[in-house]
């Protein structure tokens, strides 16, 4: 199982996301039925070949572990960079 370490984001929105991307990080979101939405940031160097990984991922945020599945990965239009990832909680 792939393990990803992330940090919870304090600021959300377009300008905060752009600032993350200039610092070699990108925003992500974790959501699911009857569970709180979690806005996180992930280091750009950690994520490698996620488009082929549809299995469960262990996400560690502030020493809490979540088991999630990658729902969608958003890429830059013409650069080989990830701009955003959507995760879904696993029951």
N, C-alpha and C. Protein backbone atom coordinates (compact mmCIF):
# COMPACT_ATOMS: atom_id res chain seq x y z
N UNK A 1 0.84 -1.18 0.00
CA UNK A 1 0.00 0.00 0.00
C UNK A 1 0.88 1.24 0.00
N UNK A 2 0.54 2.19 -0.83
CA UNK A 2 1.28 3.44 -0.94
C UNK A 2 0.95 4.33 0.25
N UNK A 3 1.96 4.94 0.85
CA UNK A 3 1.77 5.85 1.98
C UNK A 3 2.16 7.26 1.55
N UNK A 4 1.27 8.22 1.81
CA UNK A 4 1.52 9.62 1.46
C UNK A 4 1.41 10.45 2.72
N UNK A 5 2.42 11.28 2.98
CA UNK A 5 2.38 12.21 4.11
C UNK A 5 1.91 13.56 3.58
N UNK A 6 0.94 14.14 4.26
CA UNK A 6 0.38 15.42 3.83
C UNK A 6 0.23 16.35 5.02
N UNK A 7 -0.04 17.61 4.72
CA UNK A 7 -0.23 18.64 5.74
C UNK A 7 -1.59 19.28 5.50
N UNK A 8 -2.33 19.52 6.58
CA UNK A 8 -3.63 20.16 6.43
C UNK A 8 -3.45 21.62 6.03
N UNK A 9 -4.29 22.09 5.09
CA UNK A 9 -4.21 23.47 4.63
C UNK A 9 -5.07 24.38 5.49
N UNK A 10 -4.55 25.54 5.80
CA UNK A 10 -5.32 26.54 6.54
C UNK A 10 -6.10 27.43 5.58
N UNK A 11 -5.45 27.81 4.47
CA UNK A 11 -6.08 28.70 3.49
C UNK A 11 -6.52 27.87 2.29
N UNK A 12 -7.72 28.13 1.82
CA UNK A 12 -8.21 27.46 0.62
C UNK A 12 -8.64 28.52 -0.39
N UNK A 13 -8.73 28.12 -1.63
CA UNK A 13 -9.12 29.05 -2.68
C UNK A 13 -8.09 29.11 -3.78
N UNK A 14 -8.40 29.89 -4.79
CA UNK A 14 -7.56 29.96 -5.99
C UNK A 14 -6.18 30.55 -5.70
N UNK A 15 -6.10 31.65 -4.98
CA UNK A 15 -4.80 32.28 -4.74
C UNK A 15 -3.93 31.43 -3.83
N UNK A 16 -4.52 30.78 -2.84
CA UNK A 16 -3.75 29.91 -1.95
C UNK A 16 -3.22 28.70 -2.72
N UNK A 17 -4.02 28.16 -3.64
CA UNK A 17 -3.59 27.02 -4.45
C UNK A 17 -2.46 27.40 -5.40
N UNK A 18 -2.54 28.58 -5.97
CA UNK A 18 -1.46 29.05 -6.85
C UNK A 18 -0.16 29.22 -6.08
N UNK A 19 -0.25 29.73 -4.87
CA UNK A 19 0.94 29.91 -4.05
C UNK A 19 1.57 28.56 -3.70
N UNK A 20 0.74 27.56 -3.43
CA UNK A 20 1.27 26.21 -3.17
C UNK A 20 2.04 25.69 -4.37
N UNK A 21 1.46 25.85 -5.54
CA UNK A 21 2.09 25.31 -6.76
C UNK A 21 3.41 25.99 -7.07
N UNK A 22 3.55 27.26 -6.73
CA UNK A 22 4.83 27.94 -6.95
C UNK A 22 5.89 27.45 -5.98
N UNK A 23 5.46 26.85 -4.86
CA UNK A 23 6.39 26.30 -3.86
C UNK A 23 6.55 24.78 -3.99
N UNK A 24 6.30 24.24 -5.18
CA UNK A 24 6.44 22.81 -5.48
C UNK A 24 5.58 21.92 -4.59
N UNK A 25 4.38 22.39 -4.31
CA UNK A 25 3.38 21.60 -3.61
C UNK A 25 2.09 21.72 -4.41
N UNK A 26 1.11 20.92 -4.09
CA UNK A 26 -0.18 21.09 -4.76
C UNK A 26 -1.30 20.75 -3.79
N UNK A 27 -2.48 21.32 -4.03
CA UNK A 27 -3.61 21.08 -3.13
C UNK A 27 -4.29 19.75 -3.43
N UNK A 28 -4.93 19.22 -2.42
CA UNK A 28 -5.72 18.00 -2.57
C UNK A 28 -6.90 18.09 -1.60
N UNK A 29 -7.89 17.25 -1.83
CA UNK A 29 -9.06 17.22 -0.97
C UNK A 29 -9.45 15.78 -0.71
N UNK A 30 -9.92 15.52 0.51
CA UNK A 30 -10.39 14.19 0.88
C UNK A 30 -11.84 14.36 1.31
N UNK A 31 -12.73 13.57 0.72
CA UNK A 31 -14.14 13.68 1.08
C UNK A 31 -14.78 12.31 1.04
N UNK A 32 -15.98 12.23 1.58
CA UNK A 32 -16.70 10.98 1.60
C UNK A 32 -18.04 11.15 2.29
N UNK A 33 -18.84 10.13 2.21
CA UNK A 33 -20.18 10.18 2.78
C UNK A 33 -20.12 10.23 4.30
N UNK A 34 -20.77 11.23 4.87
CA UNK A 34 -20.88 11.41 6.33
C UNK A 34 -19.53 11.54 7.03
N UNK A 35 -18.55 12.06 6.32
CA UNK A 35 -17.24 12.32 6.93
C UNK A 35 -16.83 13.74 6.59
N UNK A 36 -16.02 14.37 7.43
CA UNK A 36 -15.65 15.77 7.17
C UNK A 36 -14.72 15.90 5.96
N UNK A 37 -14.87 17.02 5.27
CA UNK A 37 -13.99 17.33 4.15
C UNK A 37 -12.64 17.76 4.71
N UNK A 38 -11.58 17.24 4.12
CA UNK A 38 -10.23 17.53 4.59
C UNK A 38 -9.44 18.16 3.44
N UNK A 39 -9.01 19.41 3.63
CA UNK A 39 -8.19 20.11 2.63
C UNK A 39 -6.73 19.91 3.03
N UNK A 40 -5.94 19.38 2.10
CA UNK A 40 -4.54 19.08 2.41
C UNK A 40 -3.62 19.61 1.32
N UNK A 41 -2.34 19.62 1.64
CA UNK A 41 -1.31 19.94 0.65
C UNK A 41 -0.28 18.82 0.65
N UNK A 42 0.21 18.51 -0.55
CA UNK A 42 1.15 17.40 -0.72
C UNK A 42 2.37 17.92 -1.46
N UNK A 43 3.54 17.43 -1.07
CA UNK A 43 4.78 17.80 -1.74
C UNK A 43 4.79 17.21 -3.14
N UNK A 44 5.21 17.99 -4.11
CA UNK A 44 5.19 17.60 -5.52
C UNK A 44 6.10 16.40 -5.80
N UNK A 45 7.17 16.23 -5.06
CA UNK A 45 8.14 15.16 -5.32
C UNK A 45 7.67 13.80 -4.82
N UNK A 46 6.67 13.78 -3.94
CA UNK A 46 6.20 12.53 -3.37
C UNK A 46 5.38 11.72 -4.37
N UNK A 47 4.60 12.40 -5.17
CA UNK A 47 3.65 11.74 -6.06
C UNK A 47 4.34 11.33 -7.35
N UNK A 48 4.38 10.01 -7.58
CA UNK A 48 4.98 9.46 -8.80
C UNK A 48 4.07 8.36 -9.33
N UNK A 49 3.69 8.44 -10.57
CA UNK A 49 2.89 7.41 -11.26
C UNK A 49 1.59 7.07 -10.53
N UNK A 50 0.87 8.07 -10.10
CA UNK A 50 -0.39 7.82 -9.41
C UNK A 50 -1.53 7.51 -10.37
N UNK A 51 -1.38 7.85 -11.63
CA UNK A 51 -2.51 7.65 -12.54
C UNK A 51 -2.81 6.17 -12.74
N UNK A 52 -1.87 5.31 -12.46
CA UNK A 52 -2.10 3.88 -12.61
C UNK A 52 -2.46 3.21 -11.28
N UNK A 53 -2.45 3.98 -10.20
CA UNK A 53 -2.71 3.43 -8.88
C UNK A 53 -4.14 3.72 -8.45
N UNK A 54 -5.03 2.76 -8.59
CA UNK A 54 -6.42 2.92 -8.16
C UNK A 54 -6.70 2.09 -6.91
N UNK A 55 -5.66 1.62 -6.28
CA UNK A 55 -5.82 0.84 -5.06
C UNK A 55 -5.88 1.77 -3.86
N UNK A 56 -6.01 1.18 -2.70
CA UNK A 56 -6.07 1.96 -1.47
C UNK A 56 -4.73 2.62 -1.17
N UNK A 57 -4.80 3.82 -0.62
CA UNK A 57 -3.63 4.61 -0.26
C UNK A 57 -3.76 4.98 1.20
N UNK A 58 -2.66 4.89 1.93
CA UNK A 58 -2.65 5.33 3.32
C UNK A 58 -2.20 6.78 3.35
N UNK A 59 -3.05 7.65 3.83
CA UNK A 59 -2.79 9.08 3.87
C UNK A 59 -2.57 9.47 5.33
N UNK A 60 -1.41 10.04 5.63
CA UNK A 60 -1.08 10.44 7.00
C UNK A 60 -1.08 11.97 7.06
N UNK A 61 -2.02 12.50 7.87
CA UNK A 61 -2.18 13.94 8.04
C UNK A 61 -2.18 14.24 9.53
N UNK A 62 -1.21 15.00 9.98
CA UNK A 62 -1.11 15.37 11.41
C UNK A 62 -1.18 14.15 12.33
N UNK A 63 -0.42 13.13 12.00
CA UNK A 63 -0.31 11.89 12.77
C UNK A 63 -1.60 11.08 12.81
N UNK A 64 -2.57 11.40 11.98
CA UNK A 64 -3.79 10.61 11.84
C UNK A 64 -3.71 9.86 10.52
N UNK A 65 -4.12 8.60 10.53
CA UNK A 65 -4.06 7.79 9.32
C UNK A 65 -5.45 7.64 8.73
N UNK A 66 -5.52 7.82 7.42
CA UNK A 66 -6.77 7.63 6.69
C UNK A 66 -6.51 6.67 5.53
N UNK A 67 -7.43 5.78 5.29
CA UNK A 67 -7.35 4.91 4.13
C UNK A 67 -8.27 5.52 3.07
N UNK A 68 -7.69 5.84 1.91
CA UNK A 68 -8.42 6.53 0.86
C UNK A 68 -8.16 5.87 -0.49
N UNK A 69 -8.98 6.25 -1.46
CA UNK A 69 -8.80 5.84 -2.86
C UNK A 69 -8.69 7.11 -3.69
N UNK A 70 -7.84 7.10 -4.69
CA UNK A 70 -7.70 8.25 -5.57
C UNK A 70 -8.90 8.29 -6.51
N UNK A 71 -9.67 9.36 -6.43
CA UNK A 71 -10.85 9.53 -7.28
C UNK A 71 -10.46 10.15 -8.62
N UNK A 72 -9.70 11.25 -8.56
CA UNK A 72 -9.34 11.94 -9.80
C UNK A 72 -8.04 12.71 -9.60
N UNK A 73 -7.24 12.75 -10.66
CA UNK A 73 -6.00 13.52 -10.66
C UNK A 73 -6.10 14.55 -11.77
N UNK A 74 -5.88 15.81 -11.43
CA UNK A 74 -5.93 16.90 -12.40
C UNK A 74 -4.49 17.27 -12.78
N UNK A 75 -4.24 17.36 -14.08
CA UNK A 75 -2.92 17.70 -14.58
C UNK A 75 -2.93 19.07 -15.23
N UNK A 76 -1.75 19.69 -15.30
CA UNK A 76 -1.59 20.95 -16.01
C UNK A 76 -1.86 20.72 -17.49
N UNK A 77 -2.32 21.72 -18.19
CA UNK A 77 -2.73 21.58 -19.59
C UNK A 77 -1.57 21.17 -20.51
N UNK A 78 -0.39 21.74 -20.31
CA UNK A 78 0.71 21.40 -21.21
C UNK A 78 2.02 21.10 -20.50
N UNK A 79 2.05 21.16 -19.18
CA UNK A 79 3.24 20.78 -18.42
C UNK A 79 2.98 19.43 -17.76
N UNK A 80 4.00 18.63 -17.56
CA UNK A 80 3.80 17.33 -16.88
C UNK A 80 3.75 17.49 -15.35
N UNK A 81 2.78 18.26 -14.87
CA UNK A 81 2.66 18.51 -13.43
C UNK A 81 1.24 18.23 -12.98
N UNK A 82 1.12 17.73 -11.76
CA UNK A 82 -0.18 17.54 -11.14
C UNK A 82 -0.61 18.87 -10.53
N UNK A 83 -1.89 19.23 -10.72
CA UNK A 83 -2.39 20.48 -10.15
C UNK A 83 -3.33 20.25 -8.97
N UNK A 84 -3.97 19.07 -8.91
CA UNK A 84 -4.92 18.80 -7.83
C UNK A 84 -5.25 17.31 -7.81
N UNK A 85 -5.53 16.76 -6.62
CA UNK A 85 -5.96 15.37 -6.49
C UNK A 85 -7.19 15.31 -5.60
N UNK A 86 -8.15 14.47 -5.99
CA UNK A 86 -9.33 14.20 -5.18
C UNK A 86 -9.22 12.79 -4.62
N UNK A 87 -9.36 12.67 -3.31
CA UNK A 87 -9.35 11.37 -2.63
C UNK A 87 -10.73 11.13 -2.05
N UNK A 88 -11.10 9.84 -1.90
CA UNK A 88 -12.36 9.45 -1.26
C UNK A 88 -12.02 8.52 -0.10
N UNK A 89 -12.68 8.75 1.04
CA UNK A 89 -12.51 7.87 2.19
C UNK A 89 -12.99 6.45 1.86
N UNK A 90 -12.33 5.46 2.45
CA UNK A 90 -12.75 4.07 2.35
C UNK A 90 -13.35 3.70 3.70
N UNK A 91 -14.48 3.03 3.69
CA UNK A 91 -15.13 2.64 4.95
C UNK A 91 -14.32 1.60 5.69
